[in-house]
PDB file of all heavy atoms in Angstrom:
ATOM      1  N   ALA A   1    -167.840-128.389 158.880  1.00  0.00           N
ATOM      2  CA  ALA A   1    -168.485-127.353 158.077  1.00  0.00           C
ATOM      3  C   ALA A   1    -169.612-127.942 157.238  1.00  0.00           C
ATOM      4  O   ALA A   1    -170.729-127.339 157.152  1.00  0.00           O
ATOM      5  CB  ALA A   1    -167.484-126.652 157.164  1.00  0.00           C
ATOM      6  N   GLU A   2    -169.410-129.089 156.622  1.00  0.00           N
ATOM      7  CA  GLU A   2    -170.478-129.742 155.805  1.00  0.00           C
ATOM      8  C   GLU A   2    -171.590-130.240 156.744  1.00  0.00           C
ATOM      9  O   GLU A   2    -172.784-130.094 156.349  1.00  0.00           O
ATOM     10  CB  GLU A   2    -169.867-130.871 154.989  1.00  0.00           C
ATOM     11  CG  GLU A   2    -168.851-130.422 153.956  1.00  0.00           C
ATOM     12  CD  GLU A   2    -169.430-129.589 152.841  1.00  0.00           C
ATOM     13  OE1 GLU A   2    -170.604-129.710 152.517  1.00  0.00           O
ATOM     14  OE2 GLU A   2    -168.647-128.798 152.219  1.00  0.00           O
ATOM     15  N   ALA A   3    -171.214-130.836 157.795  1.00  0.00           N
ATOM     16  CA  ALA A   3    -172.284-131.386 158.696  1.00  0.00           C
ATOM     17  C   ALA A   3    -173.137-130.268 159.345  1.00  0.00           C
ATOM     18  O   ALA A   3    -174.294-130.457 159.549  1.00  0.00           O
ATOM     19  CB  ALA A   3    -171.553-132.228 159.849  1.00  0.00           C
ATOM     20  N   ARG A   4    -172.479-129.090 159.576  1.00  0.00           N
ATOM     21  CA  ARG A   4    -173.235-127.962 160.110  1.00  0.00           C
ATOM     22  C   ARG A   4    -174.303-127.497 159.123  1.00  0.00           C
ATOM     23  O   ARG A   4    -175.421-127.162 159.532  1.00  0.00           O
ATOM     24  CB  ARG A   4    -172.257-126.836 160.414  1.00  0.00           C
ATOM     25  CG  ARG A   4    -172.915-125.632 161.075  1.00  0.00           C
ATOM     26  CD  ARG A   4    -171.990-124.526 161.398  1.00  0.00           C
ATOM     27  NE  ARG A   4    -170.940-124.969 162.342  1.00  0.00           N
ATOM     28  CZ  ARG A   4    -169.606-125.017 162.060  1.00  0.00           C
ATOM     29  NH1 ARG A   4    -169.171-124.585 160.867  1.00  0.00           N
ATOM     30  NH2 ARG A   4    -168.758-125.436 162.984  1.00  0.00           N
ATOM     31  N   ILE A   5    -173.927-127.489 157.818  1.00  0.00           N
ATOM     32  CA  ILE A   5    -174.933-127.066 156.836  1.00  0.00           C
ATOM     33  C   ILE A   5    -176.101-127.987 156.814  1.00  0.00           C
ATOM     34  O   ILE A   5    -177.252-127.574 156.842  1.00  0.00           O
ATOM     35  CB  ILE A   5    -174.260-126.996 155.430  1.00  0.00           C
ATOM     36  CG1 ILE A   5    -173.267-125.858 155.360  1.00  0.00           C
ATOM     37  CG2 ILE A   5    -175.354-126.842 154.350  1.00  0.00           C
ATOM     38  CD1 ILE A   5    -172.375-125.874 154.154  1.00  0.00           C
ATOM     39  N   VAL A   6    -175.799-129.314 156.833  1.00  0.00           N
ATOM     40  CA  VAL A   6    -176.888-130.321 156.861  1.00  0.00           C
ATOM     41  C   VAL A   6    -177.706-130.150 158.109  1.00  0.00           C
ATOM     42  O   VAL A   6    -178.963-130.175 158.079  1.00  0.00           O
ATOM     43  CB  VAL A   6    -176.296-131.756 156.748  1.00  0.00           C
ATOM     44  CG1 VAL A   6    -177.357-132.782 157.091  1.00  0.00           C
ATOM     45  CG2 VAL A   6    -175.711-131.956 155.372  1.00  0.00           C
ATOM     46  N   ASN A   7    -177.082-130.013 159.276  1.00  0.00           N
ATOM     47  CA  ASN A   7    -177.801-129.804 160.534  1.00  0.00           C
ATOM     48  C   ASN A   7    -178.691-128.593 160.478  1.00  0.00           C
ATOM     49  O   ASN A   7    -179.880-128.655 160.920  1.00  0.00           O
ATOM     50  CB  ASN A   7    -176.778-129.782 161.691  1.00  0.00           C
ATOM     51  CG  ASN A   7    -177.518-129.676 163.028  1.00  0.00           C
ATOM     52  OD1 ASN A   7    -178.209-130.591 163.436  1.00  0.00           O
ATOM     53  ND2 ASN A   7    -177.325-128.556 163.693  1.00  0.00           N
ATOM     54  N   ASP A   8    -178.161-127.498 160.020  1.00  0.00           N
ATOM     55  CA  ASP A   8    -178.967-126.260 159.942  1.00  0.00           C
ATOM     56  C   ASP A   8    -180.149-126.446 159.025  1.00  0.00           C
ATOM     57  O   ASP A   8    -181.301-126.019 159.342  1.00  0.00           O
ATOM     58  CB  ASP A   8    -178.126-125.116 159.457  1.00  0.00           C
ATOM     59  CG  ASP A   8    -177.055-124.685 160.459  1.00  0.00           C
ATOM     60  OD1 ASP A   8    -177.146-125.116 161.621  1.00  0.00           O
ATOM     61  OD2 ASP A   8    -176.171-123.921 160.070  1.00  0.00           O
ATOM     62  N   LYS A   9    -179.981-127.085 157.881  1.00  0.00           N
ATOM     63  CA  LYS A   9    -181.079-127.279 156.899  1.00  0.00           C
ATOM     64  C   LYS A   9    -182.139-128.201 157.473  1.00  0.00           C
ATOM     65  O   LYS A   9    -183.340-127.960 157.318  1.00  0.00           O
ATOM     66  CB  LYS A   9    -180.535-127.756 155.578  1.00  0.00           C
ATOM     67  CG  LYS A   9    -179.743-126.695 154.856  1.00  0.00           C
ATOM     68  CD  LYS A   9    -179.466-127.061 153.457  1.00  0.00           C
ATOM     69  CE  LYS A   9    -178.853-125.896 152.697  1.00  0.00           C
ATOM     70  NZ  LYS A   9    -179.747-124.728 152.552  1.00  0.00           N
ATOM     71  N   ILE A  10    -181.696-129.244 158.203  1.00  0.00           N
ATOM     72  CA  ILE A  10    -182.698-130.101 158.853  1.00  0.00           C
ATOM     73  C   ILE A  10    -183.464-129.365 159.865  1.00  0.00           C
ATOM     74  O   ILE A  10    -184.704-129.472 159.979  1.00  0.00           O
ATOM     75  CB  ILE A  10    -181.974-131.331 159.435  1.00  0.00           C
ATOM     76  CG1 ILE A  10    -181.557-132.297 158.335  1.00  0.00           C
ATOM     77  CG2 ILE A  10    -182.855-132.051 160.485  1.00  0.00           C
ATOM     78  CD1 ILE A  10    -180.683-133.432 158.815  1.00  0.00           C
ATOM     79  N   SER A  11    -182.812-128.566 160.677  1.00  0.00           N
ATOM     80  CA  SER A  11    -183.482-127.780 161.762  1.00  0.00           C
ATOM     81  C   SER A  11    -184.473-126.809 161.215  1.00  0.00           C
ATOM     82  O   SER A  11    -185.557-126.651 161.694  1.00  0.00           O
ATOM     83  CB  SER A  11    -182.442-127.053 162.622  1.00  0.00           C
ATOM     84  OG  SER A  11    -181.643-128.016 163.359  1.00  0.00           O
ATOM     85  N   VAL A  12    -184.096-126.145 160.121  1.00  0.00           N
ATOM     86  CA  VAL A  12    -184.977-125.085 159.525  1.00  0.00           C
ATOM     87  C   VAL A  12    -186.223-125.822 158.916  1.00  0.00           C
ATOM     88  O   VAL A  12    -187.351-125.365 159.114  1.00  0.00           O
ATOM     89  CB  VAL A  12    -184.208-124.321 158.444  1.00  0.00           C
ATOM     90  CG1 VAL A  12    -185.179-123.473 157.559  1.00  0.00           C
ATOM     91  CG2 VAL A  12    -183.199-123.364 159.104  1.00  0.00           C
ATOM     92  N   LEU A  13    -185.998-126.918 158.230  1.00  0.00           N
ATOM     93  CA  LEU A  13    -187.060-127.634 157.630  1.00  0.00           C
ATOM     94  C   LEU A  13    -188.031-128.198 158.707  1.00  0.00           C
ATOM     95  O   LEU A  13    -189.258-128.093 158.586  1.00  0.00           O
ATOM     96  CB  LEU A  13    -186.566-128.778 156.730  1.00  0.00           C
ATOM     97  CG  LEU A  13    -187.617-129.724 156.124  1.00  0.00           C
ATOM     98  CD1 LEU A  13    -188.630-128.972 155.299  1.00  0.00           C
ATOM     99  CD2 LEU A  13    -186.934-130.794 155.286  1.00  0.00           C
ATOM    100  N   TYR A  14    -187.487-128.749 159.754  1.00  0.00           N
ATOM    101  CA  TYR A  14    -188.294-129.332 160.797  1.00  0.00           C
ATOM    102  C   TYR A  14    -189.114-128.221 161.480  1.00  0.00           C
ATOM    103  O   TYR A  14    -190.319-128.399 161.794  1.00  0.00           O
ATOM    104  CB  TYR A  14    -187.399-130.102 161.786  1.00  0.00           C
ATOM    105  CG  TYR A  14    -188.248-130.795 162.868  1.00  0.00           C
ATOM    106  CD1 TYR A  14    -189.187-131.723 162.533  1.00  0.00           C
ATOM    107  CD2 TYR A  14    -187.992-130.509 164.227  1.00  0.00           C
ATOM    108  CE1 TYR A  14    -189.919-132.425 163.513  1.00  0.00           C
ATOM    109  CE2 TYR A  14    -188.752-131.200 165.220  1.00  0.00           C
ATOM    110  CZ  TYR A  14    -189.684-132.137 164.837  1.00  0.00           C
ATOM    111  OH  TYR A  14    -190.386-132.814 165.807  1.00  0.00           O
ATOM    112  N   GLY A  15    -188.468-127.101 161.702  1.00  0.00           N
ATOM    113  CA  GLY A  15    -189.199-125.939 162.254  1.00  0.00           C
ATOM    114  C   GLY A  15    -190.368-125.495 161.433  1.00  0.00           C
ATOM    115  O   GLY A  15    -191.475-125.218 161.912  1.00  0.00           O
ATOM    116  N   LEU A  16    -190.132-125.407 160.109  1.00  0.00           N
ATOM    117  CA  LEU A  16    -191.187-125.074 159.208  1.00  0.00           C
ATOM    118  C   LEU A  16    -192.383-126.046 159.239  1.00  0.00           C
ATOM    119  O   LEU A  16    -193.505-125.670 159.331  1.00  0.00           O
ATOM    120  CB  LEU A  16    -190.573-125.004 157.767  1.00  0.00           C
ATOM    121  CG  LEU A  16    -191.500-124.597 156.608  1.00  0.00           C
ATOM    122  CD1 LEU A  16    -190.693-123.920 155.523  1.00  0.00           C
ATOM    123  CD2 LEU A  16    -192.245-125.791 156.025  1.00  0.00           C
ATOM    124  N   LEU A  17    -192.029-127.309 159.228  1.00  0.00           N
ATOM    125  CA  LEU A  17    -193.087-128.345 159.322  1.00  0.00           C
ATOM    126  C   LEU A  17    -193.835-128.276 160.596  1.00  0.00           C
ATOM    127  O   LEU A  17    -195.112-128.417 160.584  1.00  0.00           O
ATOM    128  CB  LEU A  17    -192.494-129.739 159.098  1.00  0.00           C
ATOM    129  CG  LEU A  17    -191.882-129.973 157.699  1.00  0.00           C
ATOM    130  CD1 LEU A  17    -191.116-131.332 157.641  1.00  0.00           C
ATOM    131  CD2 LEU A  17    -192.952-129.945 156.638  1.00  0.00           C
ATOM    132  N   ARG A  18    -193.165-128.070 161.735  1.00  0.00           N
ATOM    133  CA  ARG A  18    -193.825-127.961 163.018  1.00  0.00           C
ATOM    134  C   ARG A  18    -194.755-126.775 163.043  1.00  0.00           C
ATOM    135  O   ARG A  18    -195.858-126.874 163.627  1.00  0.00           O
ATOM    136  CB  ARG A  18    -192.765-127.937 164.139  1.00  0.00           C
ATOM    137  CG  ARG A  18    -191.949-129.189 164.331  1.00  0.00           C
ATOM    138  CD  ARG A  18    -192.658-130.288 165.001  1.00  0.00           C
ATOM    139  NE  ARG A  18    -193.031-129.706 166.332  1.00  0.00           N
ATOM    140  CZ  ARG A  18    -193.750-130.341 167.200  1.00  0.00           C
ATOM    141  NH1 ARG A  18    -194.205-131.560 166.951  1.00  0.00           N
ATOM    142  NH2 ARG A  18    -194.030-129.837 168.337  1.00  0.00           N
ATOM    143  N   ARG A  19    -194.286-125.673 162.454  1.00  0.00           N
ATOM    144  CA  ARG A  19    -195.195-124.455 162.470  1.00  0.00           C
ATOM    145  C   ARG A  19    -196.441-124.698 161.635  1.00  0.00           C
ATOM    146  O   ARG A  19    -197.540-124.369 161.995  1.00  0.00           O
ATOM    147  CB  ARG A  19    -194.439-123.241 161.978  1.00  0.00           C
ATOM    148  CG  ARG A  19    -193.393-122.731 162.968  1.00  0.00           C
ATOM    149  CD  ARG A  19    -192.816-121.428 162.562  1.00  0.00           C
ATOM    150  NE  ARG A  19    -192.160-121.410 161.268  1.00  0.00           N
ATOM    151  CZ  ARG A  19    -190.843-121.788 161.073  1.00  0.00           C
ATOM    152  NH1 ARG A  19    -190.125-122.169 162.038  1.00  0.00           N
ATOM    153  NH2 ARG A  19    -190.356-121.730 159.851  1.00  0.00           N
ATOM    154  N   ILE A  20    -196.279-125.284 160.431  1.00  0.00           N
ATOM    155  CA  ILE A  20    -197.444-125.602 159.620  1.00  0.00           C
ATOM    156  C   ILE A  20    -198.380-126.576 160.383  1.00  0.00           C
ATOM    157  O   ILE A  20    -199.563-126.382 160.402  1.00  0.00           O
ATOM    158  CB  ILE A  20    -196.995-126.227 158.216  1.00  0.00           C
ATOM    159  CG1 ILE A  20    -196.291-125.170 157.391  1.00  0.00           C
ATOM    160  CG2 ILE A  20    -198.232-126.795 157.493  1.00  0.00           C
ATOM    161  CD1 ILE A  20    -195.675-125.709 156.111  1.00  0.00           C
ATOM    162  N   ASP A  21    -197.766-127.638 160.914  1.00  0.00           N
ATOM    163  CA  ASP A  21    -198.578-128.689 161.640  1.00  0.00           C
ATOM    164  C   ASP A  21    -199.280-128.060 162.840  1.00  0.00           C
ATOM    165  O   ASP A  21    -200.402-128.372 163.055  1.00  0.00           O
ATOM    166  CB  ASP A  21    -197.631-129.757 162.096  1.00  0.00           C
ATOM    167  CG  ASP A  21    -198.365-130.943 162.750  1.00  0.00           C
ATOM    168  OD1 ASP A  21    -199.599-131.067 162.562  1.00  0.00           O
ATOM    169  OD2 ASP A  21    -197.684-131.702 163.387  1.00  0.00           O
ATOM    170  N   GLY A  22    -198.628-127.074 163.490  1.00  0.00           N
ATOM    171  CA  GLY A  22    -199.240-126.496 164.716  1.00  0.00           C
ATOM    172  C   GLY A  22    -200.228-125.397 164.388  1.00  0.00           C
ATOM    173  O   GLY A  22    -200.808-124.804 165.302  1.00  0.00           O
ATOM    174  N   GLY A  23    -200.369-125.047 163.088  1.00  0.00           N
ATOM    175  CA  GLY A  23    -201.351-124.037 162.717  1.00  0.00           C
ATOM    176  C   GLY A  23    -200.855-122.601 162.933  1.00  0.00           C
ATOM    177  O   GLY A  23    -201.674-121.687 162.958  1.00  0.00           O
ATOM    178  N   VAL A  24    -199.535-122.417 163.042  1.00  0.00           N
ATOM    179  CA  VAL A  24    -198.992-121.072 163.250  1.00  0.00           C
ATOM    180  C   VAL A  24    -197.857-120.799 162.266  1.00  0.00           C
ATOM    181  O   VAL A  24    -196.741-120.441 162.645  1.00  0.00           O
ATOM    182  CB  VAL A  24    -198.495-120.906 164.702  1.00  0.00           C
ATOM    183  CG1 VAL A  24    -199.697-120.817 165.666  1.00  0.00           C
ATOM    184  CG2 VAL A  24    -197.516-121.961 165.117  1.00  0.00           C
ATOM    185  N   PRO A  25    -198.112-121.030 160.970  1.00  0.00           N
ATOM    186  CA  PRO A  25    -197.028-120.796 159.998  1.00  0.00           C
ATOM    187  C   PRO A  25    -196.692-119.302 159.865  1.00  0.00           C
ATOM    188  O   PRO A  25    -197.538-118.456 160.046  1.00  0.00           O
ATOM    189  CB  PRO A  25    -197.627-121.388 158.714  1.00  0.00           C
ATOM    190  CG  PRO A  25    -199.108-121.184 158.899  1.00  0.00           C
ATOM    191  CD  PRO A  25    -199.395-121.374 160.337  1.00  0.00           C
ATOM    192  N   GLN A  26    -195.420-119.139 159.477  1.00  0.00           N
ATOM    193  CA  GLN A  26    -194.967-117.775 159.138  1.00  0.00           C
ATOM    194  C   GLN A  26    -195.379-117.496 157.690  1.00  0.00           C
ATOM    195  O   GLN A  26    -195.765-118.485 156.977  1.00  0.00           O
ATOM    196  CB  GLN A  26    -193.450-117.652 159.322  1.00  0.00           C
ATOM    197  CG  GLN A  26    -193.073-117.766 160.753  1.00  0.00           C
ATOM    198  CD  GLN A  26    -191.560-117.688 160.991  1.00  0.00           C
ATOM    199  OE1 GLN A  26    -190.786-117.626 160.046  1.00  0.00           O
ATOM    200  NE2 GLN A  26    -191.137-117.690 162.192  1.00  0.00           N
ATOM    201  N   PRO A  27    -195.342-116.289 157.182  1.00  0.00           N
ATOM    202  CA  PRO A  27    -195.799-116.036 155.821  1.00  0.00           C
ATOM    203  C   PRO A  27    -195.182-116.926 154.735  1.00  0.00           C
ATOM    204  O   PRO A  27    -195.880-117.312 153.799  1.00  0.00           O
ATOM    205  CB  PRO A  27    -195.386-114.567 155.578  1.00  0.00           C
ATOM    206  CG  PRO A  27    -195.403-113.989 156.966  1.00  0.00           C
ATOM    207  CD  PRO A  27    -194.910-115.074 157.858  1.00  0.00           C
ATOM    208  N   ASP A  28    -193.937-117.304 154.827  1.00  0.00           N
ATOM    209  CA  ASP A  28    -193.310-118.154 153.814  1.00  0.00           C
ATOM    210  C   ASP A  28    -193.372-119.618 154.072  1.00  0.00           C
ATOM    211  O   ASP A  28    -192.818-120.428 153.341  1.00  0.00           O
ATOM    212  CB  ASP A  28    -191.785-117.726 153.637  1.00  0.00           C
ATOM    213  CG  ASP A  28    -191.674-116.361 153.070  1.00  0.00           C
ATOM    214  OD1 ASP A  28    -192.597-115.894 152.368  1.00  0.00           O
ATOM    215  OD2 ASP A  28    -190.571-115.805 153.181  1.00  0.00           O
ATOM    216  N   ASP A  29    -194.053-120.028 155.160  1.00  0.00           N
ATOM    217  CA  ASP A  29    -194.177-121.441 155.507  1.00  0.00           C
ATOM    218  C   ASP A  29    -195.273-122.142 154.702  1.00  0.00           C
ATOM    219  O   ASP A  29    -196.458-122.019 155.015  1.00  0.00           O
ATOM    220  CB  ASP A  29    -194.467-121.570 156.973  1.00  0.00           C
ATOM    221  CG  ASP A  29    -193.295-121.236 157.847  1.00  0.00           C
ATOM    222  OD1 ASP A  29    -192.169-121.083 157.345  1.00  0.00           O
ATOM    223  OD2 ASP A  29    -193.505-121.105 159.083  1.00  0.00           O
ATOM    224  N   THR A  30    -194.867-122.768 153.612  1.00  0.00           N
ATOM    225  CA  THR A  30    -195.799-123.521 152.800  1.00  0.00           C
ATOM    226  C   THR A  30    -195.289-124.883 152.500  1.00  0.00           C
ATOM    227  O   THR A  30    -194.113-125.182 152.687  1.00  0.00           O
ATOM    228  CB  THR A  30    -196.000-122.782 151.432  1.00  0.00           C
ATOM    229  OG1 THR A  30    -194.755-122.823 150.727  1.00  0.00           O
ATOM    230  CG2 THR A  30    -196.481-121.370 151.596  1.00  0.00           C
ATOM    231  N   ILE A  31    -196.160-125.740 152.082  1.00  0.00           N
ATOM    232  CA  ILE A  31    -195.768-127.110 151.715  1.00  0.00           C
ATOM    233  C   ILE A  31    -194.789-127.079 150.578  1.00  0.00           C
ATOM    234  O   ILE A  31    -193.800-127.854 150.534  1.00  0.00           O
ATOM    235  CB  ILE A  31    -197.004-127.962 151.370  1.00  0.00           C
ATOM    236  CG1 ILE A  31    -197.880-128.182 152.634  1.00  0.00           C
ATOM    237  CG2 ILE A  31    -196.547-129.339 150.814  1.00  0.00           C
ATOM    238  CD1 ILE A  31    -197.174-128.925 153.745  1.00  0.00           C
ATOM    239  N   GLU A  32    -194.993-126.162 149.629  1.00  0.00           N
ATOM    240  CA  GLU A  32    -194.071-126.025 148.492  1.00  0.00           C
ATOM    241  C   GLU A  32    -192.671-125.617 148.950  1.00  0.00           C
ATOM    242  O   GLU A  32    -191.684-126.120 148.444  1.00  0.00           O
ATOM    243  CB  GLU A  32    -194.610-125.051 147.448  1.00  0.00           C
ATOM    244  CG  GLU A  32    -195.727-125.633 146.590  1.00  0.00           C
ATOM    245  CD  GLU A  32    -195.307-127.020 146.008  1.00  0.00           C
ATOM    246  OE1 GLU A  32    -194.209-127.100 145.401  1.00  0.00           O
ATOM    247  OE2 GLU A  32    -196.085-127.966 146.146  1.00  0.00           O
ATOM    248  N   GLN A  33    -192.653-124.703 149.923  1.00  0.00           N
ATOM    249  CA  GLN A  33    -191.353-124.277 150.485  1.00  0.00           C
ATOM    250  C   GLN A  33    -190.667-125.482 151.177  1.00  0.00           C
ATOM    251  O   GLN A  33    -189.458-125.676 151.086  1.00  0.00           O
ATOM    252  CB  GLN A  33    -191.513-123.120 151.493  1.00  0.00           C
ATOM    253  CG  GLN A  33    -190.238-122.677 152.191  1.00  0.00           C
ATOM    254  CD  GLN A  33    -189.203-122.153 151.165  1.00  0.00           C
ATOM    255  OE1 GLN A  33    -189.453-121.823 150.027  1.00  0.00           O
ATOM    256  NE2 GLN A  33    -187.998-122.018 151.680  1.00  0.00           N
ATOM    257  N   ALA A  34    -191.435-126.247 151.898  1.00  0.00           N
ATOM    258  CA  ALA A  34    -190.900-127.461 152.570  1.00  0.00           C
ATOM    259  C   ALA A  34    -190.346-128.439 151.511  1.00  0.00           C
ATOM    260  O   ALA A  34    -189.272-129.050 151.722  1.00  0.00           O
ATOM    261  CB  ALA A  34    -191.968-128.133 153.416  1.00  0.00           C
ATOM    262  N   ARG A  35    -191.111-128.613 150.447  1.00  0.00           N
ATOM    263  CA  ARG A  35    -190.612-129.526 149.353  1.00  0.00           C
ATOM    264  C   ARG A  35    -189.297-129.021 148.761  1.00  0.00           C
ATOM    265  O   ARG A  35    -188.385-129.804 148.496  1.00  0.00           O
ATOM    266  CB  ARG A  35    -191.667-129.696 148.284  1.00  0.00           C
ATOM    267  CG  ARG A  35    -192.817-130.549 148.653  1.00  0.00           C
ATOM    268  CD  ARG A  35    -193.812-130.783 147.586  1.00  0.00           C
ATOM    269  NE  ARG A  35    -194.826-131.741 147.940  1.00  0.00           N
ATOM    270  CZ  ARG A  35    -196.072-131.642 147.661  1.00  0.00           C
ATOM    271  NH1 ARG A  35    -196.560-130.597 147.041  1.00  0.00           N
ATOM    272  NH2 ARG A  35    -196.904-132.611 148.052  1.00  0.00           N
TER     273      ARG A  35
END
């Protein structure tokens, strides 16, 4: 259960970073949100 939370958070963060990096961010995808 604890590892799943960590895995999910890593996946969400990595997805956000990839979208910003790829130039296709969603409305809430910001560097501040990533931080």
